Amino acid sequence: MKKGSIVVVNLQNPREKVLGILLEINTAGITIRGIDVHSFNDWANSFLNENNEVVITPSTVFFPMHRVLSCYIDEDSGSVPSFSTQFKMKTSKNLKEILK
């Protein structure tokens, strides 16, 4: 995984799933700028608001490695679109550019 990749991180204690851009990964942990996966649709829909009122904003977060269950690249899987593809289809915007 390279810095700047869009990733999904599965966490434990508490269980969370976060979508974001990878800023740093090392033995201590992982730093990403992103949002909780459960907020993804509301966040993407906020870009369609005529008033450009984006209520949910990405945050930069460090997760210690003992919380990380898995981390994978956000990519299409057959006919199932990635979060990046869904975001582009819904908003016509590039997810990576929005998260920078």
Protein backbone atom coordinates (compact mmCIF):
# COMPACT_ATOMS: atom_id res chain seq x y z
CA MET A 1 0.00 0.00 0.00
CA LYS A 2 1.23 3.41 -0.93
CA LYS A 3 0.63 6.78 0.66
CA GLY A 4 -2.20 8.50 -1.15
CA SER A 5 -4.15 5.28 -1.78
CA ILE A 6 -7.85 5.18 -0.92
CA VAL A 7 -8.26 2.47 1.71
CA VAL A 8 -10.84 0.89 3.97
CA VAL A 9 -9.63 0.14 7.50
CA ASN A 10 -11.44 -2.38 9.72
CA LEU A 11 -10.90 -1.66 13.41
CA GLN A 12 -11.66 -3.40 16.70
CA ASN A 13 -12.42 -2.22 20.25
CA PRO A 14 -14.72 -0.60 19.24
CA ARG A 15 -15.56 -2.11 15.86
CA GLU A 16 -15.40 0.54 13.16
CA LYS A 17 -14.86 0.70 9.42
CA VAL A 18 -13.26 3.83 8.03
CA LEU A 19 -12.81 4.93 4.42
CA GLY A 20 -10.04 7.37 3.65
CA ILE A 21 -6.81 8.37 2.02
CA LEU A 22 -3.71 6.70 3.47
CA LEU A 23 -1.35 9.29 4.92
CA GLU A 24 1.04 7.04 6.85
CA ILE A 25 1.43 3.41 7.83
CA ASN A 26 4.13 1.99 10.08
CA THR A 27 4.57 -0.46 12.95
CA ALA A 28 2.95 1.97 15.40
CA GLY A 29 -0.24 2.40 13.41
CA ILE A 30 -2.03 3.92 10.47
CA THR A 31 -2.98 7.54 9.77
CA ILE A 32 -5.78 8.31 7.37
CA ARG A 33 -7.98 11.23 6.44
CA GLY A 34 -11.49 9.94 6.02
CA ILE A 35 -14.96 9.17 7.30
CA ASP A 36 -16.83 6.30 8.90
CA VAL A 37 -18.20 3.98 6.21
CA HIS A 38 -21.68 4.22 7.75
CA SER A 39 -21.69 7.96 6.93
CA PHE A 40 -20.58 7.49 3.32
CA ASN A 41 -23.98 7.83 1.59
CA ASP A 42 -25.04 10.85 3.64
CA TRP A 43 -21.64 12.47 3.02
CA ALA A 44 -21.75 11.82 -0.74
CA ASN A 45 -25.34 13.06 -0.94
CA SER A 46 -24.35 16.29 0.80
CA PHE A 47 -22.30 17.20 -2.29
CA LEU A 48 -25.54 17.20 -4.28
CA ASN A 49 -27.13 19.81 -1.99
CA GLU A 50 -27.86 23.00 -3.93
CA ASN A 51 -26.57 25.09 -1.03
CA ASN A 52 -23.27 23.15 -1.03
CA GLU A 53 -23.87 22.49 2.64
CA VAL A 54 -21.52 19.65 3.58
CA VAL A 55 -22.34 18.70 7.17
CA ILE A 56 -20.10 15.66 7.48
CA THR A 57 -16.41 16.45 7.09
CA PRO A 58 -13.44 14.08 6.86
CA SER A 59 -10.98 14.05 9.73
CA THR A 60 -7.36 13.02 10.03
CA VAL A 61 -7.00 10.18 12.52
CA PHE A 62 -4.22 7.92 13.80
CA PHE A 63 -5.23 4.37 14.73
CA PRO A 64 -2.74 2.31 16.75
CA MET A 65 -1.87 -0.99 15.07
CA HIS A 66 -3.41 -3.07 17.90
CA ARG A 67 -6.84 -1.76 16.77
CA VAL A 68 -6.34 -2.55 13.07
CA LEU A 69 -7.93 -5.82 11.95
CA SER A 70 -7.37 -5.24 8.24
CA CYS A 71 -6.69 -2.55 5.71
CA TYR A 72 -7.46 -2.92 2.04
CA ILE A 73 -7.34 -0.84 -1.10
CA ASP A 74 -10.70 0.54 -2.20
CA GLU A 75 -11.16 -1.03 -5.63
CA ASP A 76 -13.95 -2.36 -7.81
CA SER A 77 -14.69 -6.06 -7.35
CA GLY A 78 -16.34 -7.45 -10.47
CA SER A 79 -19.71 -5.73 -10.84
CA VAL A 80 -19.53 -4.27 -7.29
CA PRO A 81 -18.24 -0.68 -7.47
CA SER A 82 -15.69 0.63 -4.99
CA PHE A 83 -16.52 3.54 -2.72
CA SER A 84 -14.42 5.72 -5.04
CA THR A 85 -16.45 4.65 -8.06
CA GLN A 86 -19.75 5.12 -6.22
CA PHE A 87 -18.66 8.62 -5.14
CA LYS A 88 -17.69 9.55 -8.71
CA MET A 89 -20.98 8.21 -10.13
CA LYS A 90 -23.04 10.04 -7.52
CA THR A 91 -21.22 13.38 -7.38
CA SER A 92 -19.04 13.56 -10.53
CA LYS A 93 -16.15 14.34 -8.16
CA ASN A 94 -12.93 12.43 -7.52
CA LEU A 95 -12.86 11.00 -3.98
CA LYS A 96 -9.07 11.25 -3.71
CA GLU A 97 -9.17 14.97 -4.54
CA ILE A 98 -11.92 15.62 -1.98
CA LEU A 99 -9.99 13.84 0.79
CA LYS A 100 -6.69 15.67 0.18
